[in-house]
Amino acid sequence: MATGGDNGSMWFWDWRSGHNFQQSQTIVQPGSLDSEAGIYALTYDMTGSRLISCEADKTIKMWKEDETATPETHPLHFKPPKDIRRF
């Protein structure tokens, strides 16, 4: 799952555990104000391998999955807390 913020940050989550495993910061187009860094919408394409973002600086960006990523090159250092409560 991916979420975007009004400051241009993108967060990637494991929806089962709620763990945030990656963060990214978008770059506004030259000539845009820093306040135009917000992300309005995120969606995956039909294949699920590309993320499409609609941003406040009037751009649409496509993000491609890194196919060479492995657990060794992109380790997840996450240990779930033992006191998780489900509602």
Protein backbone atom coordinates (compact mmCIF):
# COMPACT_ATOMS: atom_id res chain seq x y z
CA MET A 1 0.00 0.00 0.00
CA ALA A 2 1.26 3.51 -0.75
CA THR A 3 0.26 6.85 0.75
CA GLY A 4 1.21 10.41 -0.15
CA GLY A 5 1.45 13.59 1.88
CA ASP A 6 0.97 17.30 1.36
CA ASN A 7 4.73 17.78 1.71
CA GLY A 8 5.61 15.46 -1.20
CA SER A 9 6.43 12.42 0.91
CA MET A 10 5.44 8.94 -0.23
CA TRP A 11 5.21 6.10 2.27
CA PHE A 12 5.05 2.41 1.42
CA TRP A 13 3.36 0.09 3.88
CA ASP A 14 2.88 -3.61 4.51
CA TRP A 15 -0.88 -3.57 4.92
CA ARG A 16 -0.96 -6.71 7.08
CA SER A 17 1.51 -5.62 9.74
CA GLY A 18 1.17 -1.84 9.32
CA HIS A 19 4.96 -1.56 8.95
CA ASN A 20 6.27 1.39 6.92
CA PHE A 21 9.11 -0.23 4.96
CA GLN A 22 10.09 2.61 2.63
CA GLN A 23 9.82 6.39 2.39
CA SER A 24 10.47 8.59 -0.61
CA GLN A 25 10.37 12.32 -1.28
CA THR A 26 9.16 13.69 -4.61
CA ILE A 27 10.88 16.58 -6.34
CA VAL A 28 8.81 19.50 -7.58
CA GLN A 29 9.18 20.72 -11.14
CA PRO A 30 11.59 23.62 -11.73
CA GLY A 31 9.74 26.90 -11.31
CA SER A 32 7.25 25.43 -8.84
CA LEU A 33 6.93 26.54 -5.23
CA ASP A 34 7.86 24.17 -2.42
CA SER A 35 4.24 24.36 -1.30
CA GLU A 36 3.31 22.60 -4.56
CA ALA A 37 5.06 19.40 -3.50
CA GLY A 38 1.85 17.71 -2.31
CA ILE A 39 0.58 14.43 -3.65
CA TYR A 40 -3.15 14.43 -4.47
CA ALA A 41 -3.61 10.82 -5.57
CA LEU A 42 -1.76 7.52 -5.95
CA THR A 43 -2.80 4.43 -7.87
CA TYR A 44 -1.19 1.32 -9.30
CA ASP A 45 -1.53 0.40 -12.96
CA MET A 46 -3.34 -2.79 -14.01
CA THR A 47 -0.16 -4.90 -13.75
CA GLY A 48 0.66 -3.63 -10.27
CA SER A 49 4.27 -2.92 -11.24
CA ARG A 50 3.96 0.86 -11.71
CA LEU A 51 2.77 3.49 -9.27
CA ILE A 52 1.17 6.62 -10.73
CA SER A 53 1.14 9.84 -8.71
CA CYS A 54 -0.87 13.02 -9.32
CA GLU A 55 0.91 15.94 -7.69
CA ALA A 56 0.20 19.54 -6.70
CA ASP A 57 2.77 20.91 -9.17
CA LYS A 58 0.44 19.74 -11.98
CA THR A 59 2.51 16.67 -12.85
CA ILE A 60 1.65 13.02 -13.24
CA LYS A 61 4.58 10.74 -12.48
CA MET A 62 5.00 7.02 -13.11
CA TRP A 63 7.22 5.06 -10.74
CA LYS A 64 8.58 1.71 -11.92
CA GLU A 65 9.27 -1.24 -9.66
CA ASP A 66 12.97 -2.05 -9.14
CA GLU A 67 13.13 -5.58 -10.56
CA THR A 68 16.69 -6.12 -9.33
CA ALA A 69 15.80 -5.52 -5.68
CA THR A 70 16.40 -8.46 -3.37
CA PRO A 71 16.07 -8.89 0.40
CA GLU A 72 19.86 -8.56 0.56
CA THR A 73 20.04 -5.25 -1.34
CA HIS A 74 16.90 -3.79 0.26
CA PRO A 75 16.65 -5.36 3.73
CA LEU A 76 13.64 -4.83 5.94
CA HIS A 77 14.73 -4.38 9.53
CA PHE A 78 11.38 -4.84 11.17
CA LYS A 79 10.33 -6.79 14.20
CA PRO A 80 6.62 -6.49 14.99
CA PRO A 81 5.73 -5.40 18.51
CA LYS A 82 4.44 -8.16 20.75
CA ASP A 83 1.58 -6.12 22.15
CA ILE A 84 -0.40 -5.68 18.92
CA ARG A 85 -4.11 -5.37 19.55
CA ARG A 86 -6.64 -5.92 16.81
CA PHE A 87 -9.95 -4.09 16.92
